[in-house]
């Protein structure tokens, strides 16, 4: 099974995944990256008005395959 690495960046903190995990294919790795974004946003959105999150997906050679991103913001209009 392919091995993927998921590096997390929110512009304040970065985490480089040195362990990685196995996923059946690129679609499963992409879905995992999207779940990671949702989990982080759920926790961090309570503390911040604006989030810009990124998960970089790398393969076993550490080559970048893709980047999943999520932007969350709340702006009052009054």
PDB file of N, CA and C in Angstrom:
ATOM      1  N   UNK A   1       0.845  -1.171   0.000  1.00  0.00           N
ATOM      2  CA  UNK A   1       0.000   0.000   0.000  1.00  0.00           C
ATOM      3  C   UNK A   1       0.895   1.241   0.000  1.00  0.00           C
ATOM      4  N   UNK A   2       0.548   2.255  -0.783  1.00  0.00           N
ATOM      5  CA  UNK A   2       1.375   3.471  -0.852  1.00  0.00           C
ATOM      6  C   UNK A   2       1.446   4.206   0.483  1.00  0.00           C
ATOM      7  N   UNK A   3       2.582   4.842   0.706  1.00  0.00           N
ATOM      8  CA  UNK A   3       2.847   5.600   1.924  1.00  0.00           C
ATOM      9  C   UNK A   3       2.799   7.087   1.592  1.00  0.00           C
ATOM     10  N   UNK A   4       2.034   7.845   2.368  1.00  0.00           N
ATOM     11  CA  UNK A   4       1.872   9.277   2.144  1.00  0.00           C
ATOM     12  C   UNK A   4       2.230  10.051   3.410  1.00  0.00           C
ATOM     13  N   UNK A   5       2.649  11.292   3.211  1.00  0.00           N
ATOM     14  CA  UNK A   5       2.986  12.198   4.305  1.00  0.00           C
ATOM     15  C   UNK A   5       2.098  13.428   4.180  1.00  0.00           C
ATOM     16  N   UNK A   6       1.649  13.947   5.331  1.00  0.00           N
ATOM     17  CA  UNK A   6       0.708  15.057   5.345  1.00  0.00           C
ATOM     18  C   UNK A   6       1.270  16.182   6.211  1.00  0.00           C
ATOM     19  N   UNK A   7       1.844  17.186   5.577  1.00  0.00           N
ATOM     20  CA  UNK A   7       2.412  18.333   6.289  1.00  0.00           C
ATOM     21  C   UNK A   7       1.325  19.382   6.479  1.00  0.00           C
ATOM     22  N   UNK A   8       1.261  19.960   7.668  1.00  0.00           N
ATOM     23  CA  UNK A   8       0.207  20.915   8.006  1.00  0.00           C
ATOM     24  C   UNK A   8       0.813  22.303   8.196  1.00  0.00           C
ATOM     25  N   UNK A   9       0.139  23.312   7.625  1.00  0.00           N
ATOM     26  CA  UNK A   9       0.590  24.697   7.758  1.00  0.00           C
ATOM     27  C   UNK A   9      -0.637  25.576   7.951  1.00  0.00           C
ATOM     28  N   UNK A  10      -0.609  26.381   8.998  1.00  0.00           N
ATOM     29  CA  UNK A  10      -1.702  27.343   9.209  1.00  0.00           C
ATOM     30  C   UNK A  10      -1.168  28.771   9.283  1.00  0.00           C
ATOM     31  N   UNK A  11      -0.005  29.021   8.778  1.00  0.00           N
ATOM     32  CA  UNK A  11       0.686  30.311   8.740  1.00  0.00           C
ATOM     33  C   UNK A  11       1.215  30.748  10.101  1.00  0.00           C
ATOM     34  N   UNK A  12       0.726  30.169  11.185  1.00  0.00           N
ATOM     35  CA  UNK A  12       1.296  30.446  12.505  1.00  0.00           C
ATOM     36  C   UNK A  12       2.182  29.296  12.934  1.00  0.00           C
ATOM     37  N   UNK A  13       1.723  28.105  12.691  1.00  0.00           N
ATOM     38  CA  UNK A  13       2.458  26.897  13.065  1.00  0.00           C
ATOM     39  C   UNK A  13       2.532  25.955  11.878  1.00  0.00           C
ATOM     40  N   UNK A  14       3.615  25.234  11.797  1.00  0.00           N
ATOM     41  CA  UNK A  14       3.763  24.229  10.761  1.00  0.00           C
ATOM     42  C   UNK A  14       4.132  22.908  11.404  1.00  0.00           C
ATOM     43  N   UNK A  15       3.655  21.844  10.814  1.00  0.00           N
ATOM     44  CA  UNK A  15       4.009  20.507  11.284  1.00  0.00           C
ATOM     45  C   UNK A  15       4.400  19.659  10.083  1.00  0.00           C
ATOM     46  N   UNK A  16       5.617  19.178  10.097  1.00  0.00           N
ATOM     47  CA  UNK A  16       6.089  18.295   9.026  1.00  0.00           C
ATOM     48  C   UNK A  16       5.889  16.857   9.477  1.00  0.00           C
ATOM     49  N   UNK A  17       5.175  16.096   8.684  1.00  0.00           N
ATOM     50  CA  UNK A  17       4.880  14.700   8.982  1.00  0.00           C
ATOM     51  C   UNK A  17       6.086  13.851   8.603  1.00  0.00           C
ATOM     52  N   UNK A  18       6.803  13.344   9.586  1.00  0.00           N
ATOM     53  CA  UNK A  18       7.971  12.514   9.320  1.00  0.00           C
ATOM     54  C   UNK A  18       7.657  11.021   9.368  1.00  0.00           C
ATOM     55  N   UNK A  19       6.475  10.658   9.860  1.00  0.00           N
ATOM     56  CA  UNK A  19       6.078   9.255   9.936  1.00  0.00           C
ATOM     57  C   UNK A  19       5.277   8.809   8.726  1.00  0.00           C
ATOM     58  N   UNK A  20       4.291   9.593   8.362  1.00  0.00           N
ATOM     59  CA  UNK A  20       3.422   9.238   7.257  1.00  0.00           C
ATOM     60  C   UNK A  20       2.467   8.122   7.630  1.00  0.00           C
ATOM     61  N   UNK A  21       1.652   7.728   6.653  1.00  0.00           N
ATOM     62  CA  UNK A  21       0.706   6.634   6.852  1.00  0.00           C
ATOM     63  C   UNK A  21       0.354   6.028   5.505  1.00  0.00           C
ATOM     64  N   UNK A  22      -0.157   4.823   5.559  1.00  0.00           N
ATOM     65  CA  UNK A  22      -0.491   4.104   4.329  1.00  0.00           C
ATOM     66  C   UNK A  22      -1.952   4.321   3.973  1.00  0.00           C
ATOM     67  N   UNK A  23      -2.186   4.562   2.685  1.00  0.00           N
ATOM     68  CA  UNK A  23      -3.523   4.734   2.145  1.00  0.00           C
ATOM     69  C   UNK A  23      -3.585   3.959   0.833  1.00  0.00           C
ATOM     70  N   UNK A  24      -4.739   3.421   0.489  1.00  0.00           N
ATOM     71  CA  UNK A  24      -4.831   2.558  -0.694  1.00  0.00           C
ATOM     72  C   UNK A  24      -4.474   3.243  -2.015  1.00  0.00           C
ATOM     73  N   UNK A  25      -4.783   4.560  -2.109  1.00  0.00           N
ATOM     74  CA  UNK A  25      -4.521   5.275  -3.360  1.00  0.00           C
ATOM     75  C   UNK A  25      -4.555   6.777  -3.115  1.00  0.00           C
ATOM     76  N   UNK A  26      -4.337   7.534  -4.179  1.00  0.00           N
ATOM     77  CA  UNK A  26      -4.302   8.992  -4.069  1.00  0.00           C
ATOM     78  C   UNK A  26      -5.643   9.566  -3.634  1.00  0.00           C
ATOM     79  N   UNK A  27      -6.748   8.967  -4.081  1.00  0.00           N
ATOM     80  CA  UNK A  27      -8.064   9.466  -3.678  1.00  0.00           C
ATOM     81  C   UNK A  27      -8.275   9.320  -2.177  1.00  0.00           C
ATOM     82  N   UNK A  28      -7.826   8.213  -1.610  1.00  0.00           N
ATOM     83  CA  UNK A  28      -7.946   8.005  -0.164  1.00  0.00           C
ATOM     84  C   UNK A  28      -7.042   8.988   0.586  1.00  0.00           C
ATOM     85  N   UNK A  29      -5.850   9.243   0.068  1.00  0.00           N
ATOM     86  CA  UNK A  29      -4.943  10.214   0.685  1.00  0.00           C
ATOM     87  C   UNK A  29      -5.546  11.620   0.620  1.00  0.00           C
ATOM     88  N   UNK A  30      -6.165  11.958  -0.502  1.00  0.00           N
ATOM     89  CA  UNK A  30      -6.819  13.266  -0.643  1.00  0.00           C
ATOM     90  C   UNK A  30      -7.954  13.389   0.365  1.00  0.00           C
ATOM     91  N   UNK A  31      -8.774  12.366   0.502  1.00  0.00           N
ATOM     92  CA  UNK A  31      -9.885  12.396   1.450  1.00  0.00           C
ATOM     93  C   UNK A  31      -9.373  12.559   2.887  1.00  0.00           C
ATOM     94  N   UNK A  32      -8.269  11.902   3.194  1.00  0.00           N
ATOM     95  CA  UNK A  32      -7.669  12.046   4.527  1.00  0.00           C
ATOM     96  C   UNK A  32      -7.214  13.484   4.760  1.00  0.00           C
ATOM     97  N   UNK A  33      -6.565  14.085   3.778  1.00  0.00           N
ATOM     98  CA  UNK A  33      -6.115  15.476   3.900  1.00  0.00           C
ATOM     99  C   UNK A  33      -7.302  16.405   4.136  1.00  0.00           C
ATOM    100  N   UNK A  34      -8.400  16.162   3.464  1.00  0.00           N
ATOM    101  CA  UNK A  34      -9.593  16.995   3.644  1.00  0.00           C
ATOM    102  C   UNK A  34     -10.178  16.823   5.045  1.00  0.00           C
ATOM    103  N   UNK A  35     -10.165  15.602   5.576  1.00  0.00           N
ATOM    104  CA  UNK A  35     -10.642  15.369   6.938  1.00  0.00           C
ATOM    105  C   UNK A  35      -9.745  16.070   7.960  1.00  0.00           C
ATOM    106  N   UNK A  36      -8.435  16.052   7.708  1.00  0.00           N
ATOM    107  CA  UNK A  36      -7.495  16.746   8.601  1.00  0.00           C
ATOM    108  C   UNK A  36      -7.825  18.241   8.635  1.00  0.00           C
ATOM    109  N   UNK A  37      -8.064  18.829   7.470  1.00  0.00           N
ATOM    110  CA  UNK A  37      -8.429  20.248   7.409  1.00  0.00           C
ATOM    111  C   UNK A  37      -9.694  20.519   8.214  1.00  0.00           C
ATOM    112  N   UNK A  38     -10.705  19.690   8.045  1.00  0.00           N
ATOM    113  CA  UNK A  38     -11.968  19.879   8.756  1.00  0.00           C
ATOM    114  C   UNK A  38     -11.774  19.755  10.265  1.00  0.00           C
ATOM    115  N   UNK A  39     -10.979  18.788  10.696  1.00  0.00           N
ATOM    116  CA  UNK A  39     -10.722  18.607  12.128  1.00  0.00           C
ATOM    117  C   UNK A  39     -10.013  19.813  12.731  1.00  0.00           C
ATOM    118  N   UNK A  40      -9.003  20.312  12.038  1.00  0.00           N
ATOM    119  CA  UNK A  40      -8.270  21.481  12.535  1.00  0.00           C
ATOM    120  C   UNK A  40      -9.188  22.700  12.575  1.00  0.00           C
ATOM    121  N   UNK A  41      -9.959  22.909  11.515  1.00  0.00           N
ATOM    122  CA  UNK A  41     -10.860  24.061  11.455  1.00  0.00           C
ATOM    123  C   UNK A  41     -11.883  24.005  12.582  1.00  0.00           C
ATOM    124  N   UNK A  42     -12.409  22.825  12.864  1.00  0.00           N
ATOM    125  CA  UNK A  42     -13.393  22.680  13.937  1.00  0.00           C
ATOM    126  C   UNK A  42     -12.796  23.113  15.284  1.00  0.00           C
ATOM    127  N   UNK A  43     -11.549  22.748  15.536  1.00  0.00           N
ATOM    128  CA  UNK A  43     -10.898  23.101  16.798  1.00  0.00           C
ATOM    129  C   UNK A  43     -10.456  24.567  16.838  1.00  0.00           C
ATOM    130  N   UNK A  44      -9.860  25.037  15.766  1.00  0.00           N
ATOM    131  CA  UNK A  44      -9.254  26.371  15.750  1.00  0.00           C
ATOM    132  C   UNK A  44     -10.235  27.507  15.488  1.00  0.00           C
ATOM    133  N   UNK A  45     -11.339  27.252  14.822  1.00  0.00           N
ATOM    134  CA  UNK A  45     -12.286  28.322  14.482  1.00  0.00           C
ATOM    135  C   UNK A  45     -12.898  28.946  15.728  1.00  0.00           C
ATOM    136  N   UNK A  46     -12.921  28.224  16.818  1.00  0.00           N
ATOM    137  CA  UNK A  46     -13.447  28.781  18.068  1.00  0.00           C
ATOM    138  C   UNK A  46     -12.530  29.850  18.638  1.00  0.00           C
ATOM    139  N   UNK A  47     -11.251  29.787  18.293  1.00  0.00           N
ATOM    140  CA  UNK A  47     -10.263  30.697  18.880  1.00  0.00           C
ATOM    141  C   UNK A  47      -9.852  31.836  17.959  1.00  0.00           C
ATOM    142  N   UNK A  48     -10.155  31.716  16.662  1.00  0.00           N
ATOM    143  CA  UNK A  48      -9.681  32.709  15.703  1.00  0.00           C
ATOM    144  C   UNK A  48     -10.813  33.142  14.781  1.00  0.00           C
ATOM    145  N   UNK A  49     -10.740  34.385  14.303  1.00  0.00           N
ATOM    146  CA  UNK A  49     -11.737  34.887  13.355  1.00  0.00           C
ATOM    147  C   UNK A  49     -11.418  34.494  11.921  1.00  0.00           C
ATOM    148  N   UNK A  50     -10.173  34.144  11.666  1.00  0.00           N
ATOM    149  CA  UNK A  50      -9.753  33.839  10.296  1.00  0.00           C
ATOM    150  C   UNK A  50      -8.731  32.716  10.320  1.00  0.00           C
ATOM    151  N   UNK A  51      -8.937  31.736   9.455  1.00  0.00           N
ATOM    152  CA  UNK A  51      -8.005  30.612   9.326  1.00  0.00           C
ATOM    153  C   UNK A  51      -7.669  30.402   7.863  1.00  0.00           C
ATOM    154  N   UNK A  52      -6.423  30.126   7.583  1.00  0.00           N
ATOM    155  CA  UNK A  52      -5.970  29.691   6.264  1.00  0.00           C
ATOM    156  C   UNK A  52      -5.129  28.449   6.498  1.00  0.00           C
ATOM    157  N   UNK A  53      -5.695  27.307   6.190  1.00  0.00           N
ATOM    158  CA  UNK A  53      -5.056  26.028   6.481  1.00  0.00           C
ATOM    159  C   UNK A  53      -4.628  25.333   5.200  1.00  0.00           C
ATOM    160  N   UNK A  54      -3.492  24.631   5.284  1.00  0.00           N
ATOM    161  CA  UNK A  54      -2.973  23.885   4.142  1.00  0.00           C
ATOM    162  C   UNK A  54      -2.458  22.532   4.611  1.00  0.00           C
ATOM    163  N   UNK A  55      -2.725  21.507   3.832  1.00  0.00           N
ATOM    164  CA  UNK A  55      -2.130  20.192   4.053  1.00  0.00           C
ATOM    165  C   UNK A  55      -1.425  19.813   2.749  1.00  0.00           C
ATOM    166  N   UNK A  56      -0.112  19.669   2.824  1.00  0.00           N
ATOM    167  CA  UNK A  56       0.670  19.257   1.662  1.00  0.00           C
ATOM    168  C   UNK A  56       0.809  17.743   1.698  1.00  0.00           C
ATOM    169  N   UNK A  57       0.451  17.098   0.606  1.00  0.00           N
ATOM    170  CA  UNK A  57       0.503  15.641   0.511  1.00  0.00           C
ATOM    171  C   UNK A  57       1.763  15.254  -0.244  1.00  0.00           C
ATOM    172  N   UNK A  58       2.606  14.429   0.413  1.00  0.00           N
ATOM    173  CA  UNK A  58       3.848  13.959  -0.223  1.00  0.00           C
ATOM    174  C   UNK A  58       3.830  12.437  -0.337  1.00  0.00           C
ATOM    175  N   UNK A  59       4.566  11.925  -1.308  1.00  0.00           N
ATOM    176  CA  UNK A  59       4.655  10.469  -1.488  1.00  0.00           C
ATOM    177  C   UNK A  59       5.865   9.905  -0.754  1.00  0.00           C
ATOM    178  N   UNK A  60       6.112   8.600  -0.920  1.00  0.00           N
ATOM    179  CA  UNK A  60       7.206   7.936  -0.190  1.00  0.00           C
ATOM    180  C   UNK A  60       8.586   8.479  -0.560  1.00  0.00           C
ATOM    181  N   UNK A  61       8.711   9.119  -1.711  1.00  0.00           N
ATOM    182  CA  UNK A  61       9.982   9.759  -2.092  1.00  0.00           C
ATOM    183  C   UNK A  61      10.063  11.185  -1.566  1.00  0.00           C
ATOM    184  N   UNK A  62       9.006  11.587  -0.842  1.00  0.00           N
ATOM    185  CA  UNK A  62       8.868  12.928  -0.267  1.00  0.00           C
ATOM    186  C   UNK A  62       8.555  13.992  -1.326  1.00  0.00           C
ATOM    187  N   UNK A  63       8.179  13.555  -2.524  1.00  0.00           N
ATOM    188  CA  UNK A  63       7.788  14.488  -3.585  1.00  0.00           C
ATOM    189  C   UNK A  63       6.368  14.990  -3.317  1.00  0.00           C
ATOM    190  N   UNK A  64       6.128  16.265  -3.538  1.00  0.00           N
ATOM    191  CA  UNK A  64       4.810  16.849  -3.324  1.00  0.00           C
ATOM    192  C   UNK A  64       3.866  16.393  -4.431  1.00  0.00           C
ATOM    193  N   UNK A  65       2.733  15.830  -3.996  1.00  0.00           N
ATOM    194  CA  UNK A  65       1.706  15.379  -4.933  1.00  0.00           C
ATOM    195  C   UNK A  65       0.577  16.388  -5.066  1.00  0.00           C
ATOM    196  N   UNK A  66       0.282  17.077  -3.980  1.00  0.00           N
ATOM    197  CA  UNK A  66      -0.818  18.027  -4.014  1.00  0.00           C
ATOM    198  C   UNK A  66      -0.913  18.805  -2.720  1.00  0.00           C
ATOM    199  N   UNK A  67      -1.772  19.829  -2.745  1.00  0.00           N
ATOM    200  CA  UNK A  67      -1.999  20.661  -1.567  1.00  0.00           C
ATOM    201  C   UNK A  67      -3.509  20.833  -1.398  1.00  0.00           C
ATOM    202  N   UNK A  68      -4.003  20.462  -0.228  1.00  0.00           N
ATOM    203  CA  UNK A  68      -5.399  20.707   0.126  1.00  0.00           C
ATOM    204  C   UNK A  68      -5.428  21.974   0.968  1.00  0.00           C
ATOM    205  N   UNK A  69      -6.428  22.818   0.758  1.00  0.00           N
ATOM    206  CA  UNK A  69      -6.481  24.068   1.520  1.00  0.00           C
ATOM    207  C   UNK A  69      -7.907  24.389   1.937  1.00  0.00           C
ATOM    208  N   UNK A  70      -7.998  25.198   2.984  1.00  0.00           N
ATOM    209  CA  UNK A  70      -9.293  25.612   3.503  1.00  0.00           C
ATOM    210  C   UNK A  70      -9.126  26.994   4.124  1.00  0.00           C
ATOM    211  N   UNK A  71     -10.003  27.918   3.744  1.00  0.00           N
ATOM    212  CA  UNK A  71     -10.014  29.259   4.335  1.00  0.00           C
ATOM    213  C   UNK A  71     -11.354  29.425   5.045  1.00  0.00           C
ATOM    214  N   UNK A  72     -11.287  29.902   6.289  1.00  0.00           N
ATOM    215  CA  UNK A  72     -12.475  30.117   7.102  1.00  0.00           C
ATOM    216  C   UNK A  72     -12.370  31.514   7.701  1.00  0.00           C
ATOM    217  N   UNK A  73     -13.440  32.304   7.578  1.00  0.00           N
ATOM    218  CA  UNK A  73     -13.401  33.650   8.136  1.00  0.00           C
ATOM    219  C   UNK A  73     -14.799  34.072   8.570  1.00  0.00           C
ATOM    220  N   UNK A  74     -14.848  34.954   9.552  1.00  0.00           N
ATOM    221  CA  UNK A  74     -16.093  35.584   9.979  1.00  0.00           C
ATOM    222  C   UNK A  74     -15.822  37.077  10.107  1.00  0.00           C
ATOM    223  N   UNK A  75     -16.590  37.864   9.406  1.00  0.00           N
ATOM    224  CA  UNK A  75     -16.445  39.319   9.456  1.00  0.00           C
ATOM    225  C   UNK A  75     -17.808  39.926   9.785  1.00  0.00           C
ATOM    226  N   UNK A  76     -17.844  40.707  10.840  1.00  0.00           N
ATOM    227  CA  UNK A  76     -19.079  41.379  11.204  1.00  0.00           C
ATOM    228  C   UNK A  76     -19.325  42.530  10.247  1.00  0.00           C
ATOM    229  N   UNK A  77     -20.567  42.768   9.869  1.00  0.00           N
ATOM    230  CA  UNK A  77     -20.890  43.813   8.896  1.00  0.00           C
ATOM    231  C   UNK A  77     -21.454  45.076   9.546  1.00  0.00           C
ATOM    232  N   UNK A  78     -21.613  45.103  10.837  1.00  0.00           N
ATOM    233  CA  UNK A  78     -22.130  46.311  11.481  1.00  0.00           C
ATOM    234  C   UNK A  78     -21.039  47.186  12.030  1.00  0.00           C
TER     235      UNK A  78
END
